[in-house]
Amino acid sequence: MKTTQRNAYYVQGNTVRKAQPVRKMPEKAPKKVSNTVRKNRERAKHMSAGYVLFLSAALASACIILVYYIGLQSDITNSVKHIAALERQLNELKVANEEDYSRINSSVDLEEIRRTAIQELGMQYAREGQIISFASENSDYVKQMAEIPKKE
């Protein structure tokens, strides 16, 4: 079996001991460029004052918008933290309120209230015909707008 000069290298692992030479593309003679094309290319390389001014204004407005946006994000974060603190305070107040309500309810002696109302204040239980029922839209209370008619 014949080996050619091109395949006369030995590969061990992943390294090549003899690399193939890099082939160069033949250089072409540069084309002659017309004066108009050359002038246009030169003009394109330089920026005009108006274009620089426009880019500066765009950069400045982008910076202002970015700073304003970061400020809004900071305000939102602070508001969320403040709301969380207020919610925590509300929950603490609700728990304290429920504890106080339970304590008050457990300390009320209804028999003592009934005894005081009847004996000391002279109150009496309602008799037949003294209780009048009304239909109400709100179940919480009835507002009296006129004199209640008496049943006889």
N, C-alpha and C. Protein backbone atom coordinates (compact mmCIF):
# COMPACT_ATOMS: atom_id res chain seq x y z
N MET A 1 0.83 -1.17 0.00
CA MET A 1 0.00 0.00 0.00
C MET A 1 0.88 1.24 0.00
N LYS A 2 0.60 2.13 -0.88
CA LYS A 2 1.42 3.32 -1.01
C LYS A 2 0.84 4.44 -0.18
N THR A 3 1.70 5.21 0.43
CA THR A 3 1.25 6.41 1.12
C THR A 3 1.77 7.60 0.35
N THR A 4 0.91 8.54 0.22
CA THR A 4 1.33 9.75 -0.49
C THR A 4 1.88 10.73 0.52
N GLN A 5 2.50 11.76 0.02
CA GLN A 5 3.09 12.79 0.89
C GLN A 5 1.99 13.48 1.69
N ARG A 6 0.82 13.60 1.13
CA ARG A 6 -0.27 14.30 1.79
C ARG A 6 -0.77 13.52 3.02
N ASN A 7 -0.71 12.24 3.00
CA ASN A 7 -1.19 11.43 4.11
C ASN A 7 -0.05 10.91 4.97
N ALA A 8 1.08 11.57 4.97
CA ALA A 8 2.25 11.09 5.67
C ALA A 8 2.37 11.67 7.07
N TYR A 9 1.28 11.81 7.79
CA TYR A 9 1.37 12.28 9.17
C TYR A 9 0.72 11.25 10.08
N TYR A 10 1.09 11.30 11.30
CA TYR A 10 0.63 10.31 12.26
C TYR A 10 -0.25 11.01 13.29
N VAL A 11 -1.45 10.43 13.56
CA VAL A 11 -2.37 11.01 14.53
C VAL A 11 -2.34 10.16 15.79
N GLN A 12 -2.08 10.82 16.90
CA GLN A 12 -2.10 10.12 18.18
C GLN A 12 -3.05 10.88 19.09
N GLY A 13 -4.13 10.24 19.47
CA GLY A 13 -5.13 10.91 20.31
C GLY A 13 -5.87 11.94 19.49
N ASN A 14 -5.91 13.14 20.01
CA ASN A 14 -6.64 14.18 19.29
C ASN A 14 -5.71 15.28 18.77
N THR A 15 -4.41 14.99 18.71
CA THR A 15 -3.47 16.00 18.24
C THR A 15 -2.88 15.57 16.91
N VAL A 16 -2.60 16.53 16.11
CA VAL A 16 -2.01 16.26 14.80
C VAL A 16 -0.52 16.63 14.88
N ARG A 17 0.35 15.71 14.46
CA ARG A 17 1.79 15.95 14.54
C ARG A 17 2.27 16.79 13.36
N LYS A 18 1.64 16.59 12.23
CA LYS A 18 2.05 17.36 11.07
C LYS A 18 0.79 17.90 10.42
N ALA A 19 0.61 19.19 10.48
CA ALA A 19 -0.59 19.79 9.93
C ALA A 19 -0.41 20.07 8.46
N GLN A 20 -1.53 20.08 7.77
CA GLN A 20 -1.48 20.40 6.36
C GLN A 20 -1.21 21.90 6.20
N PRO A 21 -0.50 22.28 5.21
CA PRO A 21 -0.21 23.70 5.02
C PRO A 21 -1.50 24.45 4.66
N VAL A 22 -1.56 25.68 5.08
CA VAL A 22 -2.71 26.52 4.81
C VAL A 22 -2.62 26.99 3.37
N ARG A 23 -3.71 26.79 2.67
CA ARG A 23 -3.72 27.20 1.28
C ARG A 23 -4.11 28.66 1.20
N LYS A 24 -3.40 29.40 0.46
CA LYS A 24 -3.68 30.81 0.29
C LYS A 24 -4.45 31.00 -0.99
N MET A 25 -5.40 31.89 -0.92
CA MET A 25 -6.16 32.23 -2.11
C MET A 25 -5.29 33.14 -2.97
N PRO A 26 -5.38 32.96 -4.20
CA PRO A 26 -4.58 33.84 -5.05
C PRO A 26 -5.10 35.27 -4.93
N GLU A 27 -4.18 36.18 -4.79
CA GLU A 27 -4.55 37.57 -4.63
C GLU A 27 -4.97 38.15 -5.96
N LYS A 28 -6.11 38.84 -5.90
CA LYS A 28 -6.59 39.49 -7.10
C LYS A 28 -6.13 40.93 -7.07
N ALA A 29 -5.95 41.45 -8.18
CA ALA A 29 -5.56 42.85 -8.26
C ALA A 29 -6.75 43.69 -7.83
N PRO A 30 -6.53 44.71 -6.97
CA PRO A 30 -7.65 45.52 -6.53
C PRO A 30 -8.29 46.26 -7.70
N LYS A 31 -9.61 46.32 -7.64
CA LYS A 31 -10.34 47.01 -8.70
C LYS A 31 -10.10 48.50 -8.58
N LYS A 32 -10.13 49.13 -9.66
CA LYS A 32 -10.00 50.58 -9.65
C LYS A 32 -11.36 51.15 -9.27
N VAL A 33 -11.36 52.01 -8.28
CA VAL A 33 -12.58 52.59 -7.76
C VAL A 33 -12.72 53.99 -8.35
N SER A 34 -13.94 54.29 -8.74
CA SER A 34 -14.16 55.60 -9.32
C SER A 34 -14.09 56.67 -8.24
N ASN A 35 -13.91 57.89 -8.67
CA ASN A 35 -13.81 59.01 -7.74
C ASN A 35 -15.11 59.19 -6.94
N THR A 36 -16.24 59.00 -7.57
CA THR A 36 -17.53 59.16 -6.88
C THR A 36 -17.67 58.15 -5.75
N VAL A 37 -17.34 56.91 -6.02
CA VAL A 37 -17.44 55.86 -5.00
C VAL A 37 -16.47 56.15 -3.87
N ARG A 38 -15.25 56.57 -4.22
CA ARG A 38 -14.25 56.88 -3.19
C ARG A 38 -14.70 58.04 -2.31
N LYS A 39 -15.29 59.06 -2.90
CA LYS A 39 -15.77 60.21 -2.13
C LYS A 39 -16.94 59.80 -1.23
N ASN A 40 -17.84 58.97 -1.74
CA ASN A 40 -18.96 58.50 -0.92
C ASN A 40 -18.47 57.68 0.28
N ARG A 41 -17.48 56.85 0.05
CA ARG A 41 -16.93 56.05 1.16
C ARG A 41 -16.26 56.95 2.20
N GLU A 42 -15.54 57.95 1.77
CA GLU A 42 -14.91 58.89 2.70
C GLU A 42 -15.96 59.65 3.50
N ARG A 43 -17.02 60.08 2.82
CA ARG A 43 -18.09 60.81 3.50
C ARG A 43 -18.80 59.92 4.53
N ALA A 44 -18.95 58.63 4.22
CA ALA A 44 -19.63 57.71 5.13
C ALA A 44 -18.80 57.44 6.38
N LYS A 45 -17.49 57.58 6.28
CA LYS A 45 -16.62 57.34 7.43
C LYS A 45 -16.76 58.43 8.49
N HIS A 46 -17.13 59.62 8.09
CA HIS A 46 -17.23 60.74 9.01
C HIS A 46 -18.69 61.00 9.36
N MET A 47 -18.92 61.35 10.62
CA MET A 47 -20.27 61.66 11.06
C MET A 47 -20.46 63.17 11.05
N SER A 48 -21.63 63.58 10.62
CA SER A 48 -21.92 65.01 10.60
C SER A 48 -22.29 65.48 11.99
N ALA A 49 -22.26 66.77 12.20
CA ALA A 49 -22.58 67.35 13.51
C ALA A 49 -24.05 67.09 13.87
N GLY A 50 -24.93 67.14 12.89
CA GLY A 50 -26.34 66.87 13.14
C GLY A 50 -26.58 65.45 13.62
N TYR A 51 -25.88 64.50 13.00
CA TYR A 51 -26.03 63.10 13.39
C TYR A 51 -25.48 62.87 14.80
N VAL A 52 -24.35 63.48 15.11
CA VAL A 52 -23.77 63.37 16.46
C VAL A 52 -24.73 63.99 17.47
N LEU A 53 -25.32 65.13 17.14
CA LEU A 53 -26.27 65.79 18.03
C LEU A 53 -27.51 64.90 18.25
N PHE A 54 -28.00 64.29 17.18
CA PHE A 54 -29.15 63.39 17.29
C PHE A 54 -28.82 62.20 18.19
N LEU A 55 -27.67 61.59 17.99
CA LEU A 55 -27.27 60.45 18.83
C LEU A 55 -27.10 60.86 20.28
N SER A 56 -26.55 62.05 20.52
CA SER A 56 -26.40 62.53 21.90
C SER A 56 -27.75 62.74 22.55
N ALA A 57 -28.70 63.34 21.81
CA ALA A 57 -30.05 63.56 22.37
C ALA A 57 -30.73 62.22 22.64
N ALA A 58 -30.57 61.26 21.75
CA ALA A 58 -31.16 59.94 21.96
C ALA A 58 -30.57 59.26 23.19
N LEU A 59 -29.27 59.38 23.36
CA LEU A 59 -28.60 58.79 24.53
C LEU A 59 -29.07 59.46 25.82
N ALA A 60 -29.16 60.79 25.79
CA ALA A 60 -29.60 61.52 26.98
C ALA A 60 -31.04 61.16 27.34
N SER A 61 -31.92 61.08 26.34
CA SER A 61 -33.31 60.72 26.64
C SER A 61 -33.41 59.29 27.14
N ALA A 62 -32.61 58.39 26.58
CA ALA A 62 -32.61 57.00 27.07
C ALA A 62 -32.14 56.94 28.53
N CYS A 63 -31.13 57.72 28.87
CA CYS A 63 -30.64 57.76 30.26
C CYS A 63 -31.71 58.32 31.20
N ILE A 64 -32.39 59.38 30.78
CA ILE A 64 -33.43 59.98 31.62
C ILE A 64 -34.56 58.98 31.84
N ILE A 65 -34.98 58.31 30.78
CA ILE A 65 -36.06 57.31 30.90
C ILE A 65 -35.62 56.17 31.81
N LEU A 66 -34.38 55.73 31.67
CA LEU A 66 -33.88 54.65 32.51
C LEU A 66 -33.86 55.05 33.98
N VAL A 67 -33.39 56.25 34.28
CA VAL A 67 -33.35 56.72 35.67
C VAL A 67 -34.78 56.82 36.22
N TYR A 68 -35.71 57.34 35.43
CA TYR A 68 -37.11 57.45 35.86
C TYR A 68 -37.70 56.06 36.11
N TYR A 69 -37.40 55.11 35.23
CA TYR A 69 -37.90 53.74 35.38
C TYR A 69 -37.35 53.10 36.65
N ILE A 70 -36.08 53.29 36.91
CA ILE A 70 -35.48 52.72 38.13
C ILE A 70 -36.11 53.35 39.37
N GLY A 71 -36.38 54.65 39.31
CA GLY A 71 -37.06 55.32 40.43
C GLY A 71 -38.45 54.74 40.66
N LEU A 72 -39.20 54.50 39.58
CA LEU A 72 -40.53 53.90 39.73
C LEU A 72 -40.44 52.50 40.31
N GLN A 73 -39.48 51.72 39.85
CA GLN A 73 -39.30 50.37 40.39
C GLN A 73 -38.99 50.44 41.89
N SER A 74 -38.17 51.40 42.28
CA SER A 74 -37.83 51.56 43.70
C SER A 74 -39.08 51.95 44.50
N ASP A 75 -39.89 52.86 43.95
CA ASP A 75 -41.12 53.26 44.64
C ASP A 75 -42.07 52.06 44.80
N ILE A 76 -42.18 51.25 43.77
CA ILE A 76 -43.05 50.08 43.83
C ILE A 76 -42.55 49.11 44.89
N THR A 77 -41.25 48.89 44.92
CA THR A 77 -40.68 47.97 45.93
C THR A 77 -40.94 48.50 47.34
N ASN A 78 -40.73 49.80 47.54
CA ASN A 78 -40.98 50.39 48.85
C ASN A 78 -42.46 50.29 49.22
N SER A 79 -43.35 50.50 48.25
CA SER A 79 -44.78 50.40 48.53
C SER A 79 -45.16 48.97 48.93
N VAL A 80 -44.61 48.00 48.23
CA VAL A 80 -44.90 46.60 48.56
C VAL A 80 -44.42 46.27 49.97
N LYS A 81 -43.23 46.76 50.31
CA LYS A 81 -42.72 46.52 51.67
C LYS A 81 -43.60 47.20 52.71
N HIS A 82 -44.04 48.42 52.42
CA HIS A 82 -44.90 49.15 53.35
C HIS A 82 -46.25 48.44 53.51
N ILE A 83 -46.80 47.96 52.42
CA ILE A 83 -48.08 47.24 52.47
C ILE A 83 -47.92 45.96 53.28
N ALA A 84 -46.82 45.26 53.09
CA ALA A 84 -46.57 44.04 53.86
C ALA A 84 -46.48 44.35 55.36
N ALA A 85 -45.82 45.46 55.71
CA ALA A 85 -45.72 45.84 57.12
C ALA A 85 -47.09 46.19 57.68
N LEU A 86 -47.91 46.92 56.90
CA LEU A 86 -49.26 47.26 57.36
C LEU A 86 -50.14 46.03 57.50
N GLU A 87 -50.01 45.07 56.58
CA GLU A 87 -50.77 43.83 56.69
C GLU A 87 -50.36 43.05 57.94
N ARG A 88 -49.08 43.02 58.21
CA ARG A 88 -48.60 42.35 59.42
C ARG A 88 -49.17 43.03 60.67
N GLN A 89 -49.18 44.37 60.67
CA GLN A 89 -49.73 45.11 61.80
C GLN A 89 -51.24 44.86 61.92
N LEU A 90 -51.95 44.80 60.79
CA LEU A 90 -53.38 44.52 60.81
C LEU A 90 -53.66 43.14 61.41
N ASN A 91 -52.88 42.16 61.00
CA ASN A 91 -53.06 40.81 61.54
C ASN A 91 -52.81 40.77 63.04
N GLU A 92 -51.78 41.50 63.49
CA GLU A 92 -51.51 41.55 64.93
C GLU A 92 -52.67 42.20 65.68
N LEU A 93 -53.23 43.28 65.11
CA LEU A 93 -54.37 43.95 65.75
C LEU A 93 -55.61 43.06 65.76
N LYS A 94 -55.82 42.30 64.68
CA LYS A 94 -56.97 41.38 64.65
C LYS A 94 -56.84 40.32 65.72
N VAL A 95 -55.64 39.77 65.86
CA VAL A 95 -55.43 38.74 66.89
C VAL A 95 -55.66 39.33 68.28
N ALA A 96 -55.12 40.53 68.52
CA ALA A 96 -55.31 41.18 69.83
C ALA A 96 -56.78 41.48 70.06
N ASN A 97 -57.49 41.93 69.03
CA ASN A 97 -58.92 42.23 69.14
C ASN A 97 -59.72 40.97 69.47
N GLU A 98 -59.41 39.88 68.78
CA GLU A 98 -60.11 38.62 69.06
C GLU A 98 -59.84 38.14 70.48
N GLU A 99 -58.61 38.30 70.94
CA GLU A 99 -58.29 37.90 72.32
C GLU A 99 -59.07 38.75 73.32
N ASP A 100 -59.12 40.07 73.11
CA ASP A 100 -59.87 40.94 74.00
C ASP A 100 -61.36 40.63 73.96
N TYR A 101 -61.90 40.36 72.77
CA TYR A 101 -63.32 40.03 72.64
C TYR A 101 -63.65 38.74 73.40
N SER A 102 -62.78 37.75 73.26
CA SER A 102 -63.00 36.49 73.99
C SER A 102 -62.92 36.71 75.49
N ARG A 103 -61.96 37.52 75.91
CA ARG A 103 -61.81 37.80 77.35
C ARG A 103 -63.06 38.51 77.88
N ILE A 104 -63.55 39.50 77.13
CA ILE A 104 -64.74 40.25 77.57
C ILE A 104 -65.96 39.34 77.60
N ASN A 105 -66.14 38.52 76.56
CA ASN A 105 -67.29 37.62 76.54
C ASN A 105 -67.25 36.61 77.68
N SER A 106 -66.07 36.16 78.03
CA SER A 106 -65.99 35.18 79.11
C SER A 106 -66.20 35.84 80.48
N SER A 107 -65.99 37.16 80.56
CA SER A 107 -66.15 37.82 81.87
C SER A 107 -67.56 38.36 82.09
N VAL A 108 -68.43 38.32 81.08
CA VAL A 108 -69.79 38.84 81.23
C VAL A 108 -70.66 37.80 81.94
N ASP A 109 -71.35 38.25 82.97
CA ASP A 109 -72.27 37.38 83.71
C ASP A 109 -73.70 37.82 83.37
N LEU A 110 -74.36 37.06 82.49
CA LEU A 110 -75.69 37.43 82.02
C LEU A 110 -76.73 37.41 83.15
N GLU A 111 -76.57 36.53 84.08
CA GLU A 111 -77.53 36.47 85.21
C GLU A 111 -77.44 37.74 86.06
N GLU A 112 -76.23 38.24 86.24
CA GLU A 112 -76.06 39.47 87.02
C GLU A 112 -76.69 40.65 86.27
N ILE A 113 -76.55 40.69 84.95
CA ILE A 113 -77.17 41.75 84.16
C ILE A 113 -78.69 41.67 84.27
N ARG A 114 -79.28 40.47 84.17
CA ARG A 114 -80.73 40.30 84.29
C ARG A 114 -81.22 40.73 85.67
N ARG A 115 -80.50 40.32 86.71
CA ARG A 115 -80.89 40.68 88.07
C ARG A 115 -80.86 42.20 88.25
N THR A 116 -79.80 42.86 87.79
CA THR A 116 -79.69 44.32 87.92
C THR A 116 -80.79 45.01 87.13
N ALA A 117 -81.09 44.55 85.95
CA ALA A 117 -82.12 45.18 85.12
C ALA A 117 -83.49 45.07 85.76
N ILE A 118 -83.81 43.93 86.32
CA ILE A 118 -85.16 43.73 86.89
C ILE A 118 -85.27 44.37 88.28
N GLN A 119 -84.32 44.11 89.14
CA GLN A 119 -84.44 44.56 90.53
C GLN A 119 -84.07 46.03 90.71
N GLU A 120 -82.96 46.46 90.13
CA GLU A 120 -82.49 47.82 90.39
C GLU A 120 -83.08 48.83 89.41
N LEU A 121 -83.25 48.45 88.16
CA LEU A 121 -83.74 49.39 87.16
C LEU A 121 -85.25 49.27 86.91
N GLY A 122 -85.87 48.25 87.42
CA GLY A 122 -87.31 48.10 87.31
C GLY A 122 -87.79 47.66 85.92
N MET A 123 -86.96 47.01 85.14
CA MET A 123 -87.37 46.56 83.82
C MET A 123 -88.22 45.31 83.94
N GLN A 124 -89.06 45.07 82.95
CA GLN A 124 -89.95 43.91 82.93
C GLN A 124 -89.86 43.24 81.57
N TYR A 125 -90.23 41.96 81.53
CA TYR A 125 -90.30 41.24 80.26
C TYR A 125 -91.47 41.78 79.46
N ALA A 126 -91.37 41.74 78.13
CA ALA A 126 -92.45 42.22 77.25
C ALA A 126 -93.65 41.29 77.37
N ARG A 127 -94.83 41.92 77.34
CA ARG A 127 -96.07 41.15 77.42
C ARG A 127 -96.62 40.93 76.02
N GLU A 128 -97.62 40.10 75.97
CA GLU A 128 -98.29 39.81 74.69
C GLU A 128 -98.84 41.10 74.11
N GLY A 129 -98.59 41.36 72.82
CA GLY A 129 -99.10 42.53 72.15
C GLY A 129 -98.14 43.71 72.16
N GLN A 130 -97.09 43.65 72.93
CA GLN A 130 -96.13 44.74 72.96
C GLN A 130 -95.04 44.59 71.88
N ILE A 131 -94.87 43.41 71.34
CA ILE A 131 -93.83 43.17 70.33
C ILE A 131 -94.44 43.29 68.94
N ILE A 132 -93.88 44.17 68.11
CA ILE A 132 -94.36 44.39 66.75
C ILE A 132 -93.20 44.03 65.81
N SER A 133 -93.44 43.18 64.83
CA SER A 133 -92.41 42.76 63.87
C SER A 133 -92.53 43.58 62.59
N PHE A 134 -91.40 43.93 62.00
CA PHE A 134 -91.35 44.70 60.76
C PHE A 134 -90.45 43.97 59.77
N ALA A 135 -90.82 44.08 58.50
CA ALA A 135 -89.95 43.55 57.44
C ALA A 135 -88.92 44.63 57.12
N SER A 136 -87.68 44.22 56.99
CA SER A 136 -86.61 45.19 56.75
C SER A 136 -85.72 44.70 55.62
N GLU A 137 -85.24 45.65 54.81
CA GLU A 137 -84.30 45.29 53.76
C GLU A 137 -82.96 44.91 54.38
N ASN A 138 -82.53 45.67 55.35
CA ASN A 138 -81.31 45.37 56.09
C ASN A 138 -81.68 44.58 57.33
N SER A 139 -80.95 43.52 57.58
CA SER A 139 -81.26 42.73 58.76
C SER A 139 -80.58 43.28 60.00
N ASP A 140 -79.73 44.30 59.86
CA ASP A 140 -78.99 44.84 60.99
C ASP A 140 -79.85 45.71 61.90
N TYR A 141 -80.66 46.59 61.31
CA TYR A 141 -81.43 47.51 62.13
C TYR A 141 -82.62 48.03 61.33
N VAL A 142 -83.56 48.63 62.04
CA VAL A 142 -84.72 49.28 61.43
C VAL A 142 -84.70 50.73 61.86
N LYS A 143 -84.81 51.63 60.90
CA LYS A 143 -84.82 53.06 61.21
C LYS A 143 -86.27 53.52 61.26
N GLN A 144 -86.65 54.12 62.36
CA GLN A 144 -88.03 54.58 62.54
C GLN A 144 -88.21 55.93 61.87
N MET A 145 -89.10 55.99 60.88
CA MET A 145 -89.33 57.21 60.12
C MET A 145 -90.62 57.91 60.59
N ALA A 146 -91.53 57.16 61.24
CA ALA A 146 -92.82 57.73 61.70
C ALA A 146 -93.21 57.00 62.99
N GLU A 147 -94.28 57.48 63.56
CA GLU A 147 -94.78 56.88 64.80
C GLU A 147 -95.27 55.46 64.51
N ILE A 148 -95.00 54.55 65.41
CA ILE A 148 -95.42 53.17 65.26
C ILE A 148 -96.88 53.05 65.67
N PRO A 149 -97.73 52.47 64.82
CA PRO A 149 -99.15 52.33 65.18
C PRO A 149 -99.31 51.34 66.32
N LYS A 150 -100.21 51.66 67.26
CA LYS A 150 -100.44 50.78 68.41
C LYS A 150 -101.59 49.85 68.13
N LYS A 151 -101.43 48.60 68.52
CA LYS A 151 -102.50 47.61 68.38
C LYS A 151 -103.31 47.61 69.67
N GLU A 152 -104.58 47.59 69.51
CA GLU A 152 -105.42 47.57 70.71
C GLU A 152 -106.31 46.39 70.75
